[in-house]
Amino acid sequence: MQLSLSELAQMVTGFTFTFENEIRQWCNRAPPALTDVGKAFKRVYVLLQHFTEMLHNLTSAKSSFHTIKQIAEDKGSSAVPHRHQETTKLASSCDEAMGSLRNCISVLETSLATSQHYTDK
């Protein structure tokens, strides 16, 4: 019991010292005036998260495309003609999707370069 009271007294003394020397000066100050910059930072952060997620999804789509294309090429030589035609159509569709993906990435890269140009000024 004596030890517990002694420890409690030390903790109270430590808190009082810290409060008087570190915290009290902040207690009587006026609250800071907040600006709308926080909203802009939050909006940019959310857009950055969405952009990062989109890049991750594009990477996943590209990986899936290459896997599907490889499977189609591998199965194309050993498949029956009916299946070969289906895999050829699938590979063709994947090629078209990859072309669209490349166009999207080029637009995003152009936008990024433009935004960096304006940021550097």
Protein backbone atom coordinates (compact mmCIF):
# COMPACT_ATOMS: atom_id res chain seq x y z
CA MET A 1 0.00 0.00 0.00
CA GLN A 2 2.83 2.37 0.92
CA LEU A 3 4.58 1.62 -2.39
CA SER A 4 1.39 2.29 -4.39
CA LEU A 5 0.83 5.63 -2.66
CA SER A 6 4.45 6.60 -3.21
CA GLU A 7 4.18 5.81 -6.94
CA LEU A 8 0.92 7.75 -7.17
CA ALA A 9 2.55 10.77 -5.49
CA GLN A 10 5.43 10.64 -8.00
CA MET A 11 3.00 10.46 -10.92
CA VAL A 12 1.01 13.43 -9.60
CA THR A 13 4.21 15.43 -9.11
CA GLY A 14 5.38 14.57 -12.64
CA PHE A 15 2.03 15.52 -14.15
CA THR A 16 1.88 18.80 -12.23
CA PHE A 17 5.41 19.74 -13.33
CA THR A 18 4.62 18.90 -16.96
CA PHE A 19 1.30 20.74 -16.86
CA GLU A 20 2.82 23.90 -15.38
CA ASN A 21 5.82 23.99 -17.74
CA GLU A 22 4.45 22.57 -20.99
CA ILE A 23 0.65 22.69 -21.14
CA ARG A 24 -0.58 25.72 -19.17
CA GLN A 25 0.76 28.21 -21.70
CA TRP A 26 -1.63 26.74 -24.28
CA CYS A 27 -4.72 26.77 -22.04
CA ASN A 28 -5.46 30.51 -22.13
CA ARG A 29 -4.77 31.14 -25.80
CA ALA A 30 -7.47 31.88 -28.33
CA PRO A 31 -8.32 28.94 -30.56
CA PRO A 32 -6.58 28.98 -33.94
CA ALA A 33 -8.45 30.24 -36.97
CA LEU A 34 -8.83 27.37 -39.37
CA THR A 35 -8.92 27.90 -43.12
CA ASP A 36 -10.49 25.91 -45.94
CA VAL A 37 -7.08 24.54 -46.91
CA GLY A 38 -7.85 21.36 -44.97
CA LYS A 39 -10.80 20.65 -47.25
CA ALA A 40 -8.60 21.09 -50.32
CA PHE A 41 -5.95 18.76 -48.89
CA LYS A 42 -8.61 16.17 -48.12
CA ARG A 43 -10.04 16.44 -51.62
CA VAL A 44 -6.57 16.07 -53.18
CA TYR A 45 -5.81 13.13 -50.88
CA VAL A 46 -9.04 11.36 -51.87
CA LEU A 47 -8.32 11.98 -55.56
CA LEU A 48 -4.80 10.62 -55.05
CA GLN A 49 -6.21 7.50 -53.39
CA HIS A 50 -8.61 6.98 -56.30
CA PHE A 51 -5.81 7.54 -58.82
CA THR A 52 -3.56 5.07 -56.99
CA GLU A 53 -6.37 2.52 -56.88
CA MET A 54 -7.00 3.03 -60.59
CA LEU A 55 -3.30 2.51 -61.38
CA HIS A 56 -3.35 -0.68 -59.32
CA ASN A 57 -6.44 -1.87 -61.21
CA LEU A 58 -4.83 -1.00 -64.54
CA THR A 59 -1.75 -3.00 -63.57
CA SER A 60 -3.98 -5.91 -62.63
CA ALA A 61 -5.88 -5.63 -65.93
CA LYS A 62 -2.62 -5.55 -67.88
CA SER A 63 -1.38 -8.63 -66.05
CA SER A 64 -4.67 -10.42 -66.69
CA PHE A 65 -4.51 -9.44 -70.35
CA HIS A 66 -1.05 -10.93 -70.77
CA THR A 67 -2.11 -14.11 -68.97
CA ILE A 68 -5.22 -14.50 -71.12
CA LYS A 69 -3.26 -13.79 -74.27
CA GLN A 70 -0.62 -16.36 -73.33
CA ILE A 71 -3.28 -18.98 -72.55
CA ALA A 72 -5.02 -18.23 -75.85
CA GLU A 73 -1.76 -18.61 -77.76
CA ASP A 74 -0.88 -21.84 -75.93
CA LYS A 75 -4.31 -23.38 -76.40
CA GLY A 76 -4.66 -22.08 -79.95
CA SER A 77 -2.24 -24.62 -81.35
CA SER A 78 -3.75 -27.63 -79.57
CA ALA A 79 -7.44 -26.68 -79.47
CA VAL A 80 -10.13 -27.91 -81.78
CA PRO A 81 -11.07 -25.39 -84.50
CA HIS A 82 -14.23 -24.29 -82.69
CA ARG A 83 -12.28 -23.52 -79.47
CA HIS A 84 -9.47 -21.94 -81.48
CA GLN A 85 -11.93 -19.47 -82.97
CA GLU A 86 -13.22 -18.58 -79.47
CA THR A 87 -9.72 -18.06 -78.10
CA THR A 88 -8.81 -15.96 -81.14
CA LYS A 89 -11.86 -13.76 -80.54
CA LEU A 90 -10.90 -13.48 -76.85
CA ALA A 91 -7.32 -12.53 -77.73
CA SER A 92 -8.61 -10.00 -80.26
CA SER A 93 -10.92 -8.47 -77.65
CA CYS A 94 -8.02 -8.33 -75.21
CA ASP A 95 -5.88 -6.57 -77.83
CA GLU A 96 -8.60 -3.96 -78.28
CA ALA A 97 -8.92 -3.52 -74.51
CA MET A 98 -5.16 -3.16 -74.23
CA GLY A 99 -5.19 -0.46 -76.92
CA SER A 100 -7.87 1.44 -74.98
CA LEU A 101 -5.85 0.99 -71.82
CA ARG A 102 -2.77 2.42 -73.53
CA ASN A 103 -4.80 5.43 -74.69
CA CYS A 104 -6.09 6.01 -71.15
CA ILE A 105 -2.59 5.76 -69.71
CA SER A 106 -1.25 8.22 -72.27
CA VAL A 107 -4.01 10.71 -71.35
CA LEU A 108 -3.22 10.25 -67.65
CA GLU A 109 0.52 10.74 -68.26
CA THR A 110 -0.18 13.91 -70.26
CA SER A 111 -2.42 15.21 -67.47
CA LEU A 112 0.24 14.41 -64.89
CA ALA A 113 2.95 16.17 -66.92
CA THR A 114 0.70 19.21 -67.35
CA SER A 115 -0.12 19.37 -63.65
CA GLN A 116 3.59 19.07 -62.75
CA HIS A 117 4.38 21.88 -65.20
CA TYR A 118 1.89 24.18 -63.44
CA THR A 119 3.05 23.06 -60.00
CA ASP A 120 6.67 23.89 -60.77
CA LYS A 121 5.81 27.51 -61.67
